[in-house]
Amino acid sequence: MRRPGKRRTRPEALGALVPALLEDLGFEATRTLSRIVERWETIVGREAALHVRPAAIRGETLEAEADSSVWVQTLRLRSPEVLARLAAELGAGAPRALWVRIGGRPQ
């Protein structure tokens, strides 16, 4: 017997639900950030990597922290290049914007 007001839906395969669930929980952003961290020096160059580090992903924006205002400005000016390299490295899941602020010392 069906309960009133309860609709029957078609069952979905668990494999089809997992990516959406991981994204809802923020795991997709974490996975993307870890891929960026692994390739950061290749993406921005050795010198910039010594002064700027990826910190978080919020929506489609990569947030990075620099150790000085000079490096904040440098990365902001280079953002089209950095975003193009991120797209080349990560494909469709790459961040589409870059936000750089003064933060903790890069490690």
C-alpha atoms as a PDB file:
ATOM      1  CA  MET A   1       0.000   0.000   0.000  1.00  0.00           C
ATOM      2  CA  ARG A   2       1.303   3.444  -0.948  1.00  0.00           C
ATOM      3  CA  ARG A   3       1.404   6.270   1.509  1.00  0.00           C
ATOM      4  CA  PRO A   4      -0.612   9.319   0.503  1.00  0.00           C
ATOM      5  CA  GLY A   5       1.520  12.083  -0.982  1.00  0.00           C
ATOM      6  CA  LYS A   6       4.557   9.853  -1.479  1.00  0.00           C
ATOM      7  CA  ARG A   7       5.683   9.582  -5.078  1.00  0.00           C
ATOM      8  CA  ARG A   8       7.566   6.646  -6.432  1.00  0.00           C
ATOM      9  CA  THR A   9      10.800   7.515  -8.144  1.00  0.00           C
ATOM     10  CA  ARG A  10      13.049   5.433 -10.268  1.00  0.00           C
ATOM     11  CA  PRO A  11      16.083   4.034  -8.488  1.00  0.00           C
ATOM     12  CA  GLU A  12      19.405   5.598  -9.445  1.00  0.00           C
ATOM     13  CA  ALA A  13      22.749   3.877  -9.609  1.00  0.00           C
ATOM     14  CA  LEU A  14      24.986   4.740  -6.662  1.00  0.00           C
ATOM     15  CA  GLY A  15      27.848   5.556  -9.036  1.00  0.00           C
ATOM     16  CA  ALA A  16      25.751   8.298 -10.609  1.00  0.00           C
ATOM     17  CA  LEU A  17      25.020   9.892  -7.219  1.00  0.00           C
ATOM     18  CA  VAL A  18      28.531   9.862  -5.726  1.00  0.00           C
ATOM     19  CA  PRO A  19      30.061  12.731  -7.768  1.00  0.00           C
ATOM     20  CA  ALA A  20      27.172  15.063  -6.896  1.00  0.00           C
ATOM     21  CA  LEU A  21      27.367  14.078  -3.223  1.00  0.00           C
ATOM     22  CA  LEU A  22      31.125  14.685  -3.092  1.00  0.00           C
ATOM     23  CA  GLU A  23      30.649  18.078  -4.718  1.00  0.00           C
ATOM     24  CA  ASP A  24      27.891  18.986  -2.238  1.00  0.00           C
ATOM     25  CA  LEU A  25      30.221  18.066   0.631  1.00  0.00           C
ATOM     26  CA  GLY A  26      33.093  20.099  -0.805  1.00  0.00           C
ATOM     27  CA  PHE A  27      35.343  17.149  -1.581  1.00  0.00           C
ATOM     28  CA  GLU A  28      35.614  18.011  -5.272  1.00  0.00           C
ATOM     29  CA  ALA A  29      37.098  21.415  -4.401  1.00  0.00           C
ATOM     30  CA  THR A  30      39.528  19.721  -1.998  1.00  0.00           C
ATOM     31  CA  ARG A  31      40.619  17.278  -4.678  1.00  0.00           C
ATOM     32  CA  THR A  32      41.089  20.104  -7.198  1.00  0.00           C
ATOM     33  CA  LEU A  33      43.071  22.148  -4.668  1.00  0.00           C
ATOM     34  CA  SER A  34      45.396  19.240  -3.935  1.00  0.00           C
ATOM     35  CA  ARG A  35      46.017  18.788  -7.674  1.00  0.00           C
ATOM     36  CA  ILE A  36      46.848  22.508  -7.918  1.00  0.00           C
ATOM     37  CA  VAL A  37      49.207  22.325  -4.934  1.00  0.00           C
ATOM     38  CA  GLU A  38      51.047  19.391  -6.555  1.00  0.00           C
ATOM     39  CA  ARG A  39      51.577  21.363  -9.790  1.00  0.00           C
ATOM     40  CA  TRP A  40      51.862  24.888  -8.360  1.00  0.00           C
ATOM     41  CA  GLU A  41      55.555  25.437  -9.133  1.00  0.00           C
ATOM     42  CA  THR A  42      54.995  24.304 -12.728  1.00  0.00           C
ATOM     43  CA  ILE A  43      51.976  26.587 -13.067  1.00  0.00           C
ATOM     44  CA  VAL A  44      53.421  29.817 -11.604  1.00  0.00           C
ATOM     45  CA  GLY A  45      57.177  29.204 -11.773  1.00  0.00           C
ATOM     46  CA  ARG A  46      59.735  28.527  -9.063  1.00  0.00           C
ATOM     47  CA  GLU A  47      60.205  32.132  -7.920  1.00  0.00           C
ATOM     48  CA  ALA A  48      56.478  32.860  -7.568  1.00  0.00           C
ATOM     49  CA  ALA A  49      55.915  29.513  -5.821  1.00  0.00           C
ATOM     50  CA  LEU A  50      58.382  30.584  -3.131  1.00  0.00           C
ATOM     51  CA  HIS A  51      56.176  33.588  -2.308  1.00  0.00           C
ATOM     52  CA  VAL A  52      52.599  32.571  -3.188  1.00  0.00           C
ATOM     53  CA  ARG A  53      50.663  29.426  -2.353  1.00  0.00           C
ATOM     54  CA  PRO A  54      47.194  28.174  -3.261  1.00  0.00           C
ATOM     55  CA  ALA A  55      44.969  28.338  -0.167  1.00  0.00           C
ATOM     56  CA  ALA A  56      41.371  27.452  -1.071  1.00  0.00           C
ATOM     57  CA  ILE A  57      38.810  27.060  -3.799  1.00  0.00           C
ATOM     58  CA  ARG A  58      35.481  28.834  -3.419  1.00  0.00           C
ATOM     59  CA  GLY A  59      33.108  28.144  -6.258  1.00  0.00           C
ATOM     60  CA  GLU A  60      35.130  28.724  -9.405  1.00  0.00           C
ATOM     61  CA  THR A  61      37.730  30.947  -7.725  1.00  0.00           C
ATOM     62  CA  LEU A  62      41.183  29.862  -6.614  1.00  0.00           C
ATOM     63  CA  GLU A  63      42.271  31.836  -3.556  1.00  0.00           C
ATOM     64  CA  ALA A  64      46.002  32.207  -3.054  1.00  0.00           C
ATOM     65  CA  GLU A  65      48.075  33.737  -0.271  1.00  0.00           C
ATOM     66  CA  ALA A  66      51.223  35.779  -0.876  1.00  0.00           C
ATOM     67  CA  ASP A  67      53.901  36.851   1.578  1.00  0.00           C
ATOM     68  CA  SER A  68      53.943  40.483   0.377  1.00  0.00           C
ATOM     69  CA  SER A  69      51.892  43.032  -1.524  1.00  0.00           C
ATOM     70  CA  VAL A  70      54.445  42.887  -4.349  1.00  0.00           C
ATOM     71  CA  TRP A  71      53.614  39.218  -4.945  1.00  0.00           C
ATOM     72  CA  VAL A  72      49.884  39.888  -4.625  1.00  0.00           C
ATOM     73  CA  GLN A  73      50.172  42.441  -7.436  1.00  0.00           C
ATOM     74  CA  THR A  74      52.471  40.237  -9.510  1.00  0.00           C
ATOM     75  CA  LEU A  75      50.075  37.275  -9.447  1.00  0.00           C
ATOM     76  CA  ARG A  76      47.052  39.476 -10.068  1.00  0.00           C
ATOM     77  CA  LEU A  77      48.759  40.861 -13.180  1.00  0.00           C
ATOM     78  CA  ARG A  78      49.696  37.338 -14.272  1.00  0.00           C
ATOM     79  CA  SER A  79      46.217  35.913 -13.554  1.00  0.00           C
ATOM     80  CA  PRO A  80      45.256  35.350 -17.240  1.00  0.00           C
ATOM     81  CA  GLU A  81      48.453  33.333 -17.730  1.00  0.00           C
ATOM     82  CA  VAL A  82      47.986  31.418 -14.453  1.00  0.00           C
ATOM     83  CA  LEU A  83      44.353  30.623 -15.267  1.00  0.00           C
ATOM     84  CA  ALA A  84      45.331  29.408 -18.746  1.00  0.00           C
ATOM     85  CA  ARG A  85      47.961  27.101 -17.240  1.00  0.00           C
ATOM     86  CA  LEU A  86      45.457  25.828 -14.668  1.00  0.00           C
ATOM     87  CA  ALA A  87      43.025  25.049 -17.493  1.00  0.00           C
ATOM     88  CA  ALA A  88      45.755  23.218 -19.395  1.00  0.00           C
ATOM     89  CA  GLU A  89      46.693  21.176 -16.299  1.00  0.00           C
ATOM     90  CA  LEU A  90      43.207  20.466 -14.937  1.00  0.00           C
ATOM     91  CA  GLY A  91      40.843  20.701 -17.886  1.00  0.00           C
ATOM     92  CA  ALA A  92      37.181  21.574 -17.390  1.00  0.00           C
ATOM     93  CA  GLY A  93      37.395  21.506 -13.583  1.00  0.00           C
ATOM     94  CA  ALA A  94      39.968  24.304 -13.433  1.00  0.00           C
ATOM     95  CA  PRO A  95      39.200  27.514 -11.529  1.00  0.00           C
ATOM     96  CA  ARG A  96      38.011  30.381 -13.719  1.00  0.00           C
ATOM     97  CA  ALA A  97      39.126  33.208 -11.426  1.00  0.00           C
ATOM     98  CA  LEU A  98      42.121  33.938  -9.212  1.00  0.00           C
ATOM     99  CA  TRP A  99      42.048  35.970  -6.002  1.00  0.00           C
ATOM    100  CA  VAL A 100      45.362  36.743  -4.303  1.00  0.00           C
ATOM    101  CA  ARG A 101      45.706  38.257  -0.834  1.00  0.00           C
ATOM    102  CA  ILE A 102      48.437  38.697   1.730  1.00  0.00           C
ATOM    103  CA  GLY A 103      48.422  35.671   3.975  1.00  0.00           C
ATOM    104  CA  GLY A 104      50.641  33.268   5.797  1.00  0.00           C
ATOM    105  CA  ARG A 105      54.153  32.506   4.713  1.00  0.00           C
ATOM    106  CA  PRO A 106      54.224  29.985   1.816  1.00  0.00           C
ATOM    107  CA  GLN A 107      55.654  26.594   2.701  1.00  0.00           C
END
